Amino acid sequence: CGSNTADVIIVKEGHTESVASQIDFTGHAGMTILGLGSGSTRPRFTCTADINMIAVAAADIHFENLYFPAATVAREERATIKVTAGGCHIENCYFQLGNYDHAEAGVTCGVWLAAGGDRAEVRACSFVASGTVQPDAGLHCNSNLAGLRIIGNTFDGGSIGWKSGNASLLIATSAPTYPRLW
């Protein structure tokens, strides 16, 4: 896979992977990771360490139709997908946040659009709280992100809700500019 070559990785229906080391997308701008299947047969990636499971530092990475079950170990201020590069597109993915998806300080979440994550789009994803401990947030957006689009997502607090009254969509802003939510 090379940078800006529009490479596509197709992940088969029913694939499962336990991730103990961070997956880095740094030199592969323009890549697409596409999962086959539907519902619970989508490819599953389970976080098994105190890491940002997927770190996106290359522009225009596209994730589609992937399933991320709740982490199996405590994570402190981490994300399932942390985005620090522009143009990331996350579509039709399922993020289950459970007992280990909360932090004493900071935020642990499904998707973290951090500084540099301009022009990101999160579309038709599900963020679901499960387990017995309230997760921090489904989607966390840093301040001053330009061109952010959050479209048609589902945020489900289940029977436990989200930690300390936090919204499942957490937007930190230092200026009166807000993302387009349609």
N, C-alpha and C. Protein backbone atom coordinates (compact mmCIF):
# COMPACT_ATOMS: atom_id res chain seq x y z
N CYS A 1 0.83 -1.19 0.00
CA CYS A 1 0.00 0.00 0.00
C CYS A 1 0.87 1.24 0.00
N GLY A 2 0.59 2.15 -0.88
CA GLY A 2 1.35 3.38 -0.96
C GLY A 2 0.49 4.58 -0.65
N SER A 3 1.13 5.72 -0.50
CA SER A 3 0.41 6.94 -0.18
C SER A 3 -0.28 7.51 -1.41
N ASN A 4 -1.52 7.94 -1.23
CA ASN A 4 -2.32 8.58 -2.29
C ASN A 4 -2.49 7.71 -3.52
N THR A 5 -2.59 6.40 -3.32
CA THR A 5 -2.79 5.49 -4.45
C THR A 5 -4.20 4.90 -4.43
N ALA A 6 -5.04 5.38 -3.53
CA ALA A 6 -6.44 4.92 -3.41
C ALA A 6 -6.52 3.42 -3.17
N ASP A 7 -5.56 2.88 -2.41
CA ASP A 7 -5.59 1.45 -2.07
C ASP A 7 -6.82 1.14 -1.23
N VAL A 8 -7.36 -0.07 -1.42
CA VAL A 8 -8.52 -0.52 -0.67
C VAL A 8 -8.18 -1.86 -0.02
N ILE A 9 -8.41 -1.95 1.29
CA ILE A 9 -8.28 -3.21 2.01
C ILE A 9 -9.70 -3.68 2.29
N ILE A 10 -10.03 -4.88 1.81
CA ILE A 10 -11.35 -5.45 2.03
C ILE A 10 -11.21 -6.51 3.12
N VAL A 11 -12.00 -6.36 4.19
CA VAL A 11 -11.95 -7.28 5.32
C VAL A 11 -13.18 -8.17 5.25
N LYS A 12 -12.96 -9.47 5.24
CA LYS A 12 -14.05 -10.43 5.04
C LYS A 12 -15.06 -10.44 6.18
N GLU A 13 -16.28 -10.79 5.82
CA GLU A 13 -17.36 -10.99 6.78
C GLU A 13 -16.92 -12.02 7.82
N GLY A 14 -17.22 -11.73 9.11
CA GLY A 14 -16.90 -12.65 10.18
C GLY A 14 -15.47 -12.57 10.70
N HIS A 15 -14.62 -11.75 10.10
CA HIS A 15 -13.23 -11.60 10.56
C HIS A 15 -13.21 -11.04 11.98
N THR A 16 -12.35 -11.56 12.84
CA THR A 16 -12.18 -11.02 14.19
C THR A 16 -10.71 -10.80 14.45
N GLU A 17 -10.41 -9.74 15.18
CA GLU A 17 -9.03 -9.44 15.51
C GLU A 17 -8.97 -8.79 16.89
N SER A 18 -8.03 -9.29 17.72
CA SER A 18 -7.74 -8.68 19.01
C SER A 18 -6.53 -7.79 18.82
N VAL A 19 -6.67 -6.51 19.16
CA VAL A 19 -5.61 -5.54 18.88
C VAL A 19 -4.93 -5.13 20.19
N ALA A 20 -3.64 -5.51 20.33
CA ALA A 20 -2.87 -5.20 21.53
C ALA A 20 -1.82 -4.12 21.28
N SER A 21 -1.57 -3.78 20.02
CA SER A 21 -0.63 -2.72 19.65
C SER A 21 -1.35 -1.75 18.72
N GLN A 22 -1.09 -0.48 18.90
CA GLN A 22 -1.75 0.55 18.10
C GLN A 22 -1.54 0.32 16.61
N ILE A 23 -2.60 0.45 15.84
CA ILE A 23 -2.52 0.38 14.38
C ILE A 23 -2.36 1.81 13.88
N ASP A 24 -1.25 2.08 13.20
CA ASP A 24 -0.94 3.44 12.76
C ASP A 24 -1.17 3.59 11.25
N PHE A 25 -1.91 4.63 10.90
CA PHE A 25 -2.05 5.03 9.51
C PHE A 25 -1.31 6.35 9.37
N THR A 26 -0.04 6.29 8.99
CA THR A 26 0.77 7.50 8.89
C THR A 26 1.20 7.80 7.46
N GLY A 27 1.61 6.82 6.70
CA GLY A 27 2.12 7.08 5.36
C GLY A 27 1.23 6.55 4.26
N HIS A 28 -0.05 6.39 4.55
CA HIS A 28 -0.95 5.75 3.57
C HIS A 28 -2.16 6.63 3.27
N ALA A 29 -1.93 7.86 2.93
CA ALA A 29 -3.04 8.78 2.63
C ALA A 29 -3.91 8.21 1.52
N GLY A 30 -5.23 8.42 1.66
CA GLY A 30 -6.16 8.00 0.63
C GLY A 30 -6.60 6.55 0.70
N MET A 31 -6.21 5.82 1.72
CA MET A 31 -6.54 4.40 1.84
C MET A 31 -7.97 4.20 2.35
N THR A 32 -8.62 3.12 1.92
CA THR A 32 -9.94 2.73 2.37
C THR A 32 -9.87 1.35 3.01
N ILE A 33 -10.49 1.20 4.17
CA ILE A 33 -10.64 -0.09 4.83
C ILE A 33 -12.13 -0.39 4.84
N LEU A 34 -12.53 -1.39 4.08
CA LEU A 34 -13.94 -1.71 3.86
C LEU A 34 -14.26 -3.08 4.42
N GLY A 35 -15.23 -3.14 5.34
CA GLY A 35 -15.66 -4.41 5.90
C GLY A 35 -16.85 -4.96 5.15
N LEU A 36 -16.86 -6.27 4.93
CA LEU A 36 -17.99 -6.94 4.32
C LEU A 36 -18.89 -7.50 5.41
N GLY A 37 -20.12 -7.82 5.10
CA GLY A 37 -21.06 -8.37 6.06
C GLY A 37 -22.00 -7.29 6.56
N SER A 38 -22.89 -7.69 7.48
CA SER A 38 -23.82 -6.72 8.05
C SER A 38 -24.08 -7.08 9.51
N GLY A 39 -24.52 -6.08 10.27
CA GLY A 39 -24.81 -6.32 11.68
C GLY A 39 -23.63 -6.94 12.40
N SER A 40 -23.89 -8.01 13.15
CA SER A 40 -22.83 -8.63 13.96
C SER A 40 -21.86 -9.46 13.13
N THR A 41 -22.10 -9.62 11.82
CA THR A 41 -21.15 -10.37 10.99
C THR A 41 -20.09 -9.46 10.37
N ARG A 42 -20.21 -8.15 10.62
CA ARG A 42 -19.16 -7.24 10.15
C ARG A 42 -17.82 -7.61 10.79
N PRO A 43 -16.71 -7.29 10.17
CA PRO A 43 -15.40 -7.55 10.78
C PRO A 43 -15.30 -6.85 12.14
N ARG A 44 -14.78 -7.60 13.16
CA ARG A 44 -14.67 -7.09 14.53
C ARG A 44 -13.21 -6.85 14.90
N PHE A 45 -12.97 -5.68 15.49
CA PHE A 45 -11.65 -5.33 15.99
C PHE A 45 -11.82 -4.97 17.47
N THR A 46 -11.25 -5.79 18.37
CA THR A 46 -11.42 -5.60 19.81
C THR A 46 -10.12 -5.10 20.42
N CYS A 47 -10.19 -4.00 21.17
CA CYS A 47 -9.03 -3.43 21.84
C CYS A 47 -8.72 -4.23 23.10
N THR A 48 -7.46 -4.73 23.21
CA THR A 48 -7.06 -5.54 24.35
C THR A 48 -5.89 -4.93 25.12
N ALA A 49 -5.64 -3.61 24.95
CA ALA A 49 -4.54 -2.94 25.65
C ALA A 49 -4.91 -1.47 25.87
N ASP A 50 -4.16 -0.79 26.73
CA ASP A 50 -4.38 0.63 27.02
C ASP A 50 -3.74 1.46 25.90
N ILE A 51 -4.43 1.52 24.77
CA ILE A 51 -3.90 2.19 23.57
C ILE A 51 -5.04 2.92 22.86
N ASN A 52 -4.67 3.87 21.98
CA ASN A 52 -5.59 4.31 20.94
C ASN A 52 -5.52 3.17 19.93
N MET A 53 -6.59 2.46 19.71
CA MET A 53 -6.52 1.25 18.89
C MET A 53 -6.07 1.57 17.46
N ILE A 54 -6.65 2.60 16.87
CA ILE A 54 -6.28 3.02 15.51
C ILE A 54 -5.93 4.50 15.56
N ALA A 55 -4.73 4.84 15.10
CA ALA A 55 -4.29 6.24 15.07
C ALA A 55 -4.16 6.67 13.61
N VAL A 56 -4.94 7.69 13.24
CA VAL A 56 -4.96 8.16 11.85
C VAL A 56 -4.19 9.47 11.76
N ALA A 57 -2.99 9.40 11.17
CA ALA A 57 -2.16 10.59 10.98
C ALA A 57 -1.88 10.82 9.49
N ALA A 58 -2.59 10.13 8.63
CA ALA A 58 -2.49 10.33 7.18
C ALA A 58 -3.83 10.86 6.68
N ALA A 59 -3.79 11.70 5.70
CA ALA A 59 -5.00 12.36 5.19
C ALA A 59 -5.89 11.40 4.41
N ASP A 60 -7.19 11.68 4.48
CA ASP A 60 -8.19 11.04 3.63
C ASP A 60 -8.28 9.53 3.78
N ILE A 61 -8.16 9.05 5.01
CA ILE A 61 -8.37 7.62 5.30
C ILE A 61 -9.88 7.39 5.46
N HIS A 62 -10.35 6.27 4.93
CA HIS A 62 -11.79 5.96 4.93
C HIS A 62 -12.00 4.59 5.60
N PHE A 63 -12.84 4.57 6.65
CA PHE A 63 -13.23 3.33 7.32
C PHE A 63 -14.72 3.13 7.06
N GLU A 64 -15.08 1.92 6.64
CA GLU A 64 -16.50 1.67 6.39
C GLU A 64 -16.90 0.27 6.80
N ASN A 65 -18.05 0.18 7.50
CA ASN A 65 -18.71 -1.07 7.83
C ASN A 65 -17.86 -1.98 8.73
N LEU A 66 -17.32 -1.42 9.81
CA LEU A 66 -16.53 -2.18 10.77
C LEU A 66 -17.23 -2.19 12.12
N TYR A 67 -16.96 -3.21 12.93
CA TYR A 67 -17.58 -3.38 14.24
C TYR A 67 -16.48 -3.33 15.29
N PHE A 68 -16.65 -2.46 16.30
CA PHE A 68 -15.68 -2.30 17.36
C PHE A 68 -16.34 -2.62 18.70
N PRO A 69 -16.24 -3.89 19.18
CA PRO A 69 -16.81 -4.24 20.48
C PRO A 69 -16.11 -3.46 21.60
N ALA A 70 -16.71 -3.47 22.78
CA ALA A 70 -16.13 -2.78 23.93
C ALA A 70 -14.73 -3.31 24.23
N ALA A 71 -13.85 -2.43 24.72
CA ALA A 71 -12.49 -2.82 25.08
C ALA A 71 -12.52 -3.87 26.19
N THR A 72 -11.49 -4.68 26.25
CA THR A 72 -11.42 -5.74 27.27
C THR A 72 -10.48 -5.40 28.41
N VAL A 73 -9.83 -4.24 28.37
CA VAL A 73 -8.95 -3.76 29.45
C VAL A 73 -9.21 -2.27 29.67
N ALA A 74 -8.86 -1.78 30.86
CA ALA A 74 -9.05 -0.36 31.17
C ALA A 74 -8.17 0.50 30.26
N ARG A 75 -8.78 1.58 29.76
CA ARG A 75 -8.05 2.52 28.90
C ARG A 75 -8.18 3.90 29.51
N GLU A 76 -7.08 4.63 29.57
CA GLU A 76 -7.07 5.94 30.19
C GLU A 76 -6.87 7.01 29.13
N GLU A 77 -7.90 7.80 28.89
CA GLU A 77 -7.88 8.87 27.89
C GLU A 77 -7.44 8.35 26.53
N ARG A 78 -8.22 7.41 26.00
CA ARG A 78 -7.92 6.76 24.73
C ARG A 78 -9.15 6.75 23.83
N ALA A 79 -8.93 6.35 22.59
CA ALA A 79 -10.03 6.24 21.63
C ALA A 79 -9.89 4.95 20.83
N THR A 80 -11.01 4.46 20.33
CA THR A 80 -10.95 3.35 19.40
C THR A 80 -10.30 3.83 18.11
N ILE A 81 -10.74 4.99 17.59
CA ILE A 81 -10.09 5.63 16.43
C ILE A 81 -9.77 7.07 16.83
N LYS A 82 -8.48 7.43 16.81
CA LYS A 82 -8.06 8.81 17.07
C LYS A 82 -7.55 9.41 15.76
N VAL A 83 -8.15 10.54 15.37
CA VAL A 83 -7.85 11.16 14.08
C VAL A 83 -7.10 12.47 14.30
N THR A 84 -5.91 12.58 13.70
CA THR A 84 -5.11 13.82 13.78
C THR A 84 -4.73 14.32 12.40
N ALA A 85 -5.39 13.83 11.36
CA ALA A 85 -5.13 14.26 9.99
C ALA A 85 -6.44 14.58 9.30
N GLY A 86 -6.39 15.41 8.30
CA GLY A 86 -7.60 15.89 7.62
C GLY A 86 -8.24 14.86 6.71
N GLY A 87 -9.57 15.02 6.55
CA GLY A 87 -10.31 14.26 5.55
C GLY A 87 -10.66 12.84 5.92
N CYS A 88 -10.52 12.45 7.18
CA CYS A 88 -10.89 11.09 7.57
C CYS A 88 -12.40 10.92 7.45
N HIS A 89 -12.80 9.76 6.96
CA HIS A 89 -14.22 9.46 6.74
C HIS A 89 -14.52 8.14 7.44
N ILE A 90 -15.46 8.17 8.38
CA ILE A 90 -15.86 6.97 9.11
C ILE A 90 -17.35 6.77 8.86
N GLU A 91 -17.69 5.65 8.23
CA GLU A 91 -19.08 5.45 7.81
C GLU A 91 -19.58 4.06 8.17
N ASN A 92 -20.82 4.02 8.67
CA ASN A 92 -21.52 2.77 8.96
C ASN A 92 -20.71 1.84 9.85
N CYS A 93 -20.04 2.40 10.85
CA CYS A 93 -19.29 1.60 11.81
C CYS A 93 -20.07 1.54 13.13
N TYR A 94 -19.84 0.48 13.89
CA TYR A 94 -20.55 0.27 15.15
C TYR A 94 -19.52 0.30 16.28
N PHE A 95 -19.70 1.22 17.23
CA PHE A 95 -18.80 1.38 18.36
C PHE A 95 -19.55 1.02 19.64
N GLN A 96 -19.15 -0.08 20.27
CA GLN A 96 -19.73 -0.46 21.55
C GLN A 96 -18.76 0.01 22.63
N LEU A 97 -19.27 0.78 23.59
CA LEU A 97 -18.43 1.32 24.65
C LEU A 97 -18.91 0.74 25.97
N GLY A 98 -17.98 0.09 26.70
CA GLY A 98 -18.39 -0.66 27.88
C GLY A 98 -17.66 -0.27 29.15
N ASN A 99 -17.50 -1.25 30.03
CA ASN A 99 -16.97 -1.02 31.37
C ASN A 99 -15.58 -0.40 31.39
N TYR A 100 -14.76 -0.64 30.39
CA TYR A 100 -13.39 -0.11 30.39
C TYR A 100 -13.23 1.16 29.57
N ASP A 101 -14.31 1.69 29.05
CA ASP A 101 -14.25 2.89 28.21
C ASP A 101 -14.62 4.14 28.99
N HIS A 102 -13.91 4.34 30.09
CA HIS A 102 -14.07 5.55 30.88
C HIS A 102 -12.71 5.89 31.51
N ALA A 103 -12.46 7.16 31.74
CA ALA A 103 -11.18 7.61 32.28
C ALA A 103 -11.41 8.45 33.53
N GLU A 104 -10.47 8.37 34.45
CA GLU A 104 -10.56 9.21 35.65
C GLU A 104 -10.30 10.66 35.29
N ALA A 105 -9.39 10.89 34.35
CA ALA A 105 -9.10 12.24 33.87
C ALA A 105 -9.12 12.18 32.34
N GLY A 106 -9.69 13.17 31.70
CA GLY A 106 -9.77 13.15 30.25
C GLY A 106 -10.97 12.35 29.77
N VAL A 107 -10.95 11.96 28.51
CA VAL A 107 -12.09 11.28 27.90
C VAL A 107 -11.61 10.04 27.16
N THR A 108 -12.33 8.95 27.35
CA THR A 108 -12.14 7.74 26.54
C THR A 108 -13.40 7.61 25.69
N CYS A 109 -13.23 7.33 24.40
CA CYS A 109 -14.38 7.40 23.49
C CYS A 109 -14.21 6.45 22.30
N GLY A 110 -15.25 6.39 21.48
CA GLY A 110 -15.19 5.60 20.25
C GLY A 110 -14.35 6.28 19.19
N VAL A 111 -14.67 7.54 18.88
CA VAL A 111 -13.92 8.31 17.89
C VAL A 111 -13.49 9.62 18.53
N TRP A 112 -12.23 9.96 18.38
CA TRP A 112 -11.69 11.22 18.88
C TRP A 112 -11.15 11.99 17.69
N LEU A 113 -11.84 13.07 17.33
CA LEU A 113 -11.37 13.95 16.27
C LEU A 113 -10.52 15.02 16.95
N ALA A 114 -9.21 14.80 16.95
CA ALA A 114 -8.27 15.65 17.68
C ALA A 114 -7.75 16.77 16.77
N ALA A 115 -6.87 17.59 17.32
CA ALA A 115 -6.27 18.68 16.56
C ALA A 115 -5.70 18.14 15.25
N GLY A 116 -6.01 18.80 14.15
CA GLY A 116 -5.57 18.37 12.83
C GLY A 116 -6.61 17.55 12.08
N GLY A 117 -7.67 17.13 12.77
CA GLY A 117 -8.69 16.29 12.15
C GLY A 117 -9.72 17.06 11.36
N ASP A 118 -9.30 18.12 10.68
CA ASP A 118 -10.20 18.94 9.87
C ASP A 118 -10.83 18.12 8.75
N ARG A 119 -11.99 18.58 8.28
CA ARG A 119 -12.71 17.97 7.16
C ARG A 119 -13.12 16.53 7.42
N ALA A 120 -13.16 16.11 8.69
CA ALA A 120 -13.58 14.74 9.02
C ALA A 120 -15.09 14.60 8.83
N GLU A 121 -15.49 13.40 8.49
CA GLU A 121 -16.92 13.10 8.38
C GLU A 121 -17.19 11.79 9.10
N VAL A 122 -18.19 11.82 9.99
CA VAL A 122 -18.65 10.62 10.68
C VAL A 122 -20.12 10.46 10.28
N ARG A 123 -20.41 9.38 9.54
CA ARG A 123 -21.73 9.23 8.93
C ARG A 123 -22.31 7.83 9.22
N ALA A 124 -23.57 7.82 9.64
CA ALA A 124 -24.35 6.58 9.80
C ALA A 124 -23.68 5.57 10.74
N CYS A 125 -22.98 6.06 11.75
CA CYS A 125 -22.35 5.18 12.74
C CYS A 125 -23.24 5.05 13.97
N SER A 126 -23.03 3.98 14.72
CA SER A 126 -23.74 3.77 15.98
C SER A 126 -22.73 3.78 17.12
N PHE A 127 -23.05 4.55 18.16
CA PHE A 127 -22.24 4.62 19.38
C PHE A 127 -23.15 4.14 20.50
N VAL A 128 -22.83 2.98 21.09
CA VAL A 128 -23.73 2.34 22.04
C VAL A 128 -23.02 2.10 23.37
N ALA A 129 -23.62 2.59 24.47
CA ALA A 129 -23.10 2.34 25.81
C ALA A 129 -23.63 0.99 26.29
N SER A 130 -22.73 0.17 26.84
CA SER A 130 -23.14 -1.14 27.34
C SER A 130 -22.36 -1.45 28.61
N GLY A 131 -22.68 -2.53 29.26
CA GLY A 131 -21.99 -2.92 30.48
C GLY A 131 -22.64 -2.30 31.70
N THR A 132 -21.87 -2.18 32.79
CA THR A 132 -22.39 -1.66 34.05
C THR A 132 -21.76 -0.34 34.47
N VAL A 133 -20.72 0.12 33.75
CA VAL A 133 -20.05 1.38 34.05
C VAL A 133 -20.27 2.33 32.88
N GLN A 134 -20.64 3.57 33.16
CA GLN A 134 -20.92 4.53 32.09
C GLN A 134 -19.65 4.90 31.32
N PRO A 135 -19.66 4.76 30.01
CA PRO A 135 -18.52 5.23 29.21
C PRO A 135 -18.54 6.76 29.12
N ASP A 136 -17.37 7.33 28.78
CA ASP A 136 -17.25 8.79 28.73
C ASP A 136 -18.07 9.42 27.61
N ALA A 137 -17.81 9.02 26.38
CA ALA A 137 -18.48 9.64 25.22
C ALA A 137 -18.35 8.72 24.02
N GLY A 138 -19.29 8.84 23.09
CA GLY A 138 -19.20 8.10 21.85
C GLY A 138 -18.23 8.78 20.88
N LEU A 139 -18.40 10.09 20.72
CA LEU A 139 -17.62 10.89 19.78
C LEU A 139 -17.15 12.15 20.48
N HIS A 140 -15.84 12.39 20.45
CA HIS A 140 -15.24 13.56 21.09
C HIS A 140 -14.55 14.39 20.00
N CYS A 141 -14.91 15.66 19.92
CA CYS A 141 -14.34 16.56 18.91
C CYS A 141 -13.56 17.68 19.59
N ASN A 142 -12.29 17.85 19.23
CA ASN A 142 -11.51 18.96 19.75
C ASN A 142 -12.01 20.28 19.17
N SER A 143 -11.57 21.37 19.76
CA SER A 143 -11.98 22.69 19.29
C SER A 143 -11.29 23.05 17.98
N ASN A 144 -11.89 23.98 17.30
CA ASN A 144 -11.33 24.60 16.09
C ASN A 144 -11.07 23.63 14.94
N LEU A 145 -11.94 22.64 14.78
CA LEU A 145 -11.84 21.77 13.63
C LEU A 145 -12.67 22.38 12.50
N ALA A 146 -12.09 22.51 11.33
CA ALA A 146 -12.80 23.11 10.20
C ALA A 146 -13.43 22.02 9.34
N GLY A 147 -14.65 22.29 8.86
CA GLY A 147 -15.30 21.40 7.91
C GLY A 147 -15.76 20.07 8.48
N LEU A 148 -15.97 19.99 9.77
CA LEU A 148 -16.43 18.77 10.41
C LEU A 148 -17.88 18.48 10.03
N ARG A 149 -18.16 17.20 9.66
CA ARG A 149 -19.52 16.80 9.31
C ARG A 149 -19.90 15.56 10.10
N ILE A 150 -20.99 15.66 10.85
CA ILE A 150 -21.51 14.56 11.66
C ILE A 150 -22.93 14.33 11.16
N ILE A 151 -23.15 13.21 10.43
CA ILE A 151 -24.40 13.03 9.70
C ILE A 151 -25.03 11.67 10.00
N GLY A 152 -26.29 11.68 10.46
CA GLY A 152 -27.09 10.47 10.57
C GLY A 152 -26.56 9.40 11.51
N ASN A 153 -25.92 9.79 12.61
CA ASN A 153 -25.39 8.83 13.57
C ASN A 153 -26.41 8.53 14.66
N THR A 154 -26.23 7.40 15.33
CA THR A 154 -27.06 7.02 16.46
C THR A 154 -26.20 7.00 17.72
N PHE A 155 -26.65 7.70 18.76
CA PHE A 155 -25.98 7.69 20.06
C PHE A 155 -26.96 7.08 21.05
N ASP A 156 -26.65 5.88 21.55
CA ASP A 156 -27.55 5.14 22.41
C ASP A 156 -26.90 4.91 23.77
N GLY A 157 -27.45 5.54 24.80
CA GLY A 157 -26.92 5.39 26.15
C GLY A 157 -27.34 4.10 26.82
N GLY A 158 -28.15 3.29 26.14
CA GLY A 158 -28.61 2.04 26.72
C GLY A 158 -29.29 2.26 28.07
N SER A 159 -29.14 1.32 28.96
CA SER A 159 -29.77 1.45 30.28
C SER A 159 -28.86 2.16 31.29
N ILE A 160 -27.59 2.43 30.91
CA ILE A 160 -26.66 3.05 31.87
C ILE A 160 -26.32 4.49 31.56
N GLY A 161 -26.50 4.94 30.33
CA GLY A 161 -26.20 6.32 29.96
C GLY A 161 -24.71 6.58 29.79
N TRP A 162 -24.37 7.86 29.81
CA TRP A 162 -22.99 8.30 29.59
C TRP A 162 -22.46 8.93 30.88
N LYS A 163 -21.17 8.83 31.12
CA LYS A 163 -20.53 9.24 32.38
C LYS A 163 -20.81 10.69 32.77
N SER A 164 -21.09 10.90 34.04
CA SER A 164 -21.21 12.22 34.67
C SER A 164 -22.08 13.20 33.90
N GLY A 165 -23.10 12.68 33.25
CA GLY A 165 -23.99 13.56 32.52
C GLY A 165 -23.41 14.07 31.21
N ASN A 166 -22.21 13.56 30.82
CA ASN A 166 -21.63 13.98 29.54
C ASN A 166 -22.57 13.59 28.41
N ALA A 167 -22.59 14.38 27.41
CA ALA A 167 -23.32 14.01 26.21
C ALA A 167 -22.54 12.90 25.51
N SER A 168 -23.21 12.11 24.73
CA SER A 168 -22.51 11.08 23.97
C SER A 168 -21.70 11.70 22.83
N LEU A 169 -22.01 12.94 22.47
CA LEU A 169 -21.23 13.72 21.51
C LEU A 169 -20.64 14.88 22.28
N LEU A 170 -19.33 14.88 22.44
CA LEU A 170 -18.64 15.87 23.25
C LEU A 170 -17.84 16.80 22.34
N ILE A 171 -18.24 18.07 22.26
CA ILE A 171 -17.55 19.03 21.40
C ILE A 171 -16.91 20.09 22.27
N ALA A 172 -15.58 20.13 22.24
CA ALA A 172 -14.85 21.17 22.96
C ALA A 172 -14.67 22.33 21.98
N THR A 173 -15.09 23.51 22.37
CA THR A 173 -14.98 24.64 21.45
C THR A 173 -14.48 25.88 22.18
N SER A 174 -13.62 26.62 21.52
CA SER A 174 -13.12 27.85 22.10
C SER A 174 -13.60 29.06 21.30
N ALA A 175 -14.34 28.80 20.27
CA ALA A 175 -14.88 29.87 19.43
C ALA A 175 -16.32 29.51 19.08
N PRO A 176 -17.14 30.48 18.75
CA PRO A 176 -18.55 30.18 18.45
C PRO A 176 -18.75 29.59 17.06
N THR A 177 -17.97 28.56 16.72
CA THR A 177 -18.16 27.85 15.46
C THR A 177 -18.50 26.41 15.80
N TYR A 178 -19.49 25.85 15.14
CA TYR A 178 -19.95 24.51 15.47
C TYR A 178 -20.00 23.67 14.21
N PRO A 179 -19.84 22.34 14.36
CA PRO A 179 -19.88 21.47 13.18
C PRO A 179 -21.29 21.41 12.59
N ARG A 180 -21.34 21.04 11.32
CA ARG A 180 -22.63 20.80 10.68
C ARG A 180 -23.13 19.45 11.15
N LEU A 181 -24.31 19.39 11.71
CA LEU A 181 -24.85 18.16 12.27
C LEU A 181 -25.91 17.53 11.37
N TRP A 182 -25.85 17.75 10.09
CA TRP A 182 -26.82 17.16 9.18
C TRP A 182 -26.11 16.52 8.01
